[in-house]
Amino acid sequence: FILVMMNKYTKDATLINPLRNKRPGFAGGPDVDKYVNKLVEESKGDCDFCNYQR
């Protein structure tokens, strides 16, 4: 089933599908965490967000 929630005043809607969480696919895992952490460490020197007071 798919749950649809609609705000009467703003006309915004949200769809919720609980079965989507159970389907197979990419789960991330430790390899992705290592890769992202490596990217963060390598780019710290050139990062405008990390060195905003330059």
N, C-alpha and C. Protein backbone atom coordinates (compact mmCIF):
# COMPACT_ATOMS: atom_id res chain seq x y z
N PHE A 1 0.83 -1.18 0.00
CA PHE A 1 0.00 0.00 0.00
C PHE A 1 0.88 1.24 0.00
N ILE A 2 0.31 2.33 -0.46
CA ILE A 2 1.00 3.62 -0.46
C ILE A 2 0.12 4.61 0.29
N LEU A 3 0.71 5.26 1.27
CA LEU A 3 -0.01 6.23 2.08
C LEU A 3 0.23 7.62 1.51
N VAL A 4 -0.84 8.36 1.28
CA VAL A 4 -0.75 9.73 0.76
C VAL A 4 -1.28 10.67 1.83
N MET A 5 -0.44 11.63 2.20
CA MET A 5 -0.85 12.63 3.18
C MET A 5 -0.89 13.98 2.47
N MET A 6 -2.02 14.68 2.56
CA MET A 6 -2.18 15.95 1.87
C MET A 6 -2.57 17.04 2.86
N ASN A 7 -1.90 18.17 2.77
CA ASN A 7 -2.23 19.33 3.58
C ASN A 7 -3.32 20.13 2.85
N LYS A 8 -4.46 20.30 3.49
CA LYS A 8 -5.60 20.97 2.85
C LYS A 8 -5.32 22.44 2.56
N TYR A 9 -4.49 23.05 3.39
CA TYR A 9 -4.28 24.49 3.27
C TYR A 9 -3.18 24.86 2.29
N THR A 10 -2.07 24.12 2.33
CA THR A 10 -0.94 24.46 1.45
C THR A 10 -0.92 23.61 0.18
N LYS A 11 -1.76 22.59 0.13
CA LYS A 11 -1.84 21.68 -1.01
C LYS A 11 -0.55 20.87 -1.22
N ASP A 12 0.29 20.77 -0.17
CA ASP A 12 1.48 19.92 -0.24
C ASP A 12 1.06 18.48 0.01
N ALA A 13 1.74 17.55 -0.66
CA ALA A 13 1.42 16.14 -0.49
C ALA A 13 2.70 15.34 -0.26
N THR A 14 2.57 14.26 0.50
CA THR A 14 3.68 13.37 0.78
C THR A 14 3.22 11.94 0.53
N LEU A 15 4.04 11.17 -0.17
CA LEU A 15 3.75 9.76 -0.41
C LEU A 15 4.68 8.92 0.45
N ILE A 16 4.13 7.92 1.11
CA ILE A 16 4.92 7.02 1.95
C ILE A 16 4.67 5.60 1.47
N ASN A 17 5.75 4.90 1.10
CA ASN A 17 5.67 3.52 0.65
C ASN A 17 6.55 2.67 1.55
N PRO A 18 5.99 1.99 2.55
CA PRO A 18 6.81 1.22 3.48
C PRO A 18 7.49 0.00 2.84
N LEU A 19 6.98 -0.49 1.72
CA LEU A 19 7.60 -1.65 1.06
C LEU A 19 8.90 -1.27 0.36
N ARG A 20 9.08 -0.01 0.04
CA ARG A 20 10.29 0.43 -0.66
C ARG A 20 11.54 0.18 0.19
N ASN A 21 11.38 0.26 1.48
CA ASN A 21 12.49 0.04 2.39
C ASN A 21 12.99 -1.41 2.37
N LYS A 22 12.16 -2.34 1.97
CA LYS A 22 12.50 -3.77 2.02
C LYS A 22 13.06 -4.32 0.71
N ARG A 23 13.08 -3.54 -0.36
CA ARG A 23 13.55 -4.08 -1.63
C ARG A 23 15.08 -4.11 -1.68
N PRO A 24 15.62 -5.05 -2.43
CA PRO A 24 17.08 -5.17 -2.50
C PRO A 24 17.68 -4.01 -3.29
N GLY A 25 18.92 -3.72 -2.97
CA GLY A 25 19.59 -2.65 -3.69
C GLY A 25 20.89 -2.28 -3.01
N PHE A 26 21.35 -1.11 -3.31
CA PHE A 26 22.61 -0.62 -2.77
C PHE A 26 22.44 -0.26 -1.30
N ALA A 27 23.25 -0.85 -0.44
CA ALA A 27 23.11 -0.62 1.00
C ALA A 27 24.24 0.20 1.59
N GLY A 28 25.21 0.60 0.79
CA GLY A 28 26.33 1.37 1.34
C GLY A 28 27.34 0.41 1.93
N GLY A 29 27.55 0.50 3.22
CA GLY A 29 28.45 -0.40 3.89
C GLY A 29 29.77 0.25 4.23
N PRO A 30 30.68 -0.54 4.81
CA PRO A 30 31.95 0.02 5.28
C PRO A 30 32.85 0.54 4.16
N ASP A 31 32.78 -0.05 2.97
CA ASP A 31 33.62 0.42 1.87
C ASP A 31 33.25 1.85 1.47
N VAL A 32 31.98 2.15 1.46
CA VAL A 32 31.53 3.49 1.12
C VAL A 32 31.95 4.47 2.21
N ASP A 33 31.85 4.07 3.47
CA ASP A 33 32.27 4.93 4.57
C ASP A 33 33.76 5.25 4.48
N LYS A 34 34.57 4.25 4.17
CA LYS A 34 36.01 4.48 4.04
C LYS A 34 36.30 5.44 2.89
N TYR A 35 35.62 5.26 1.78
CA TYR A 35 35.82 6.11 0.61
C TYR A 35 35.45 7.57 0.91
N VAL A 36 34.32 7.77 1.56
CA VAL A 36 33.88 9.13 1.88
C VAL A 36 34.82 9.77 2.89
N ASN A 37 35.24 9.03 3.90
CA ASN A 37 36.17 9.58 4.89
C ASN A 37 37.50 9.93 4.25
N LYS A 38 37.97 9.13 3.30
CA LYS A 38 39.21 9.42 2.58
C LYS A 38 39.06 10.71 1.76
N LEU A 39 37.93 10.86 1.08
CA LEU A 39 37.68 12.08 0.30
C LEU A 39 37.67 13.33 1.19
N VAL A 40 37.06 13.21 2.35
CA VAL A 40 36.99 14.34 3.28
C VAL A 40 38.39 14.72 3.75
N GLU A 41 39.18 13.73 4.12
CA GLU A 41 40.54 14.01 4.60
C GLU A 41 41.40 14.64 3.51
N GLU A 42 41.26 14.16 2.28
CA GLU A 42 42.08 14.68 1.18
C GLU A 42 41.70 16.10 0.79
N SER A 43 40.45 16.48 0.99
CA SER A 43 40.00 17.79 0.52
C SER A 43 39.92 18.84 1.62
N LYS A 44 40.34 18.52 2.83
CA LYS A 44 40.24 19.48 3.94
C LYS A 44 41.03 20.76 3.67
N GLY A 45 42.19 20.66 3.06
CA GLY A 45 43.03 21.83 2.83
C GLY A 45 42.43 22.81 1.84
N ASP A 46 41.70 22.32 0.85
CA ASP A 46 41.13 23.18 -0.20
C ASP A 46 39.65 23.48 -0.01
N CYS A 47 39.07 23.01 1.06
CA CYS A 47 37.63 23.13 1.26
C CYS A 47 37.25 24.53 1.73
N ASP A 48 36.39 25.21 0.97
CA ASP A 48 35.93 26.55 1.35
C ASP A 48 35.05 26.53 2.59
N PHE A 49 34.31 25.46 2.81
CA PHE A 49 33.45 25.37 3.98
C PHE A 49 34.26 25.12 5.25
N CYS A 50 35.36 24.33 5.14
CA CYS A 50 36.19 24.05 6.30
C CYS A 50 37.06 25.25 6.67
N ASN A 51 37.48 26.03 5.68
CA ASN A 51 38.38 27.16 5.89
C ASN A 51 37.68 28.47 5.52
N TYR A 52 36.54 28.72 6.13
CA TYR A 52 35.75 29.89 5.76
C TYR A 52 36.36 31.19 6.27
N GLN A 53 37.34 31.13 7.18
CA GLN A 53 37.92 32.35 7.75
C GLN A 53 39.19 32.78 7.03
N ARG A 54 39.48 32.25 5.87
CA ARG A 54 40.69 32.63 5.12
C ARG A 54 40.64 34.05 4.69
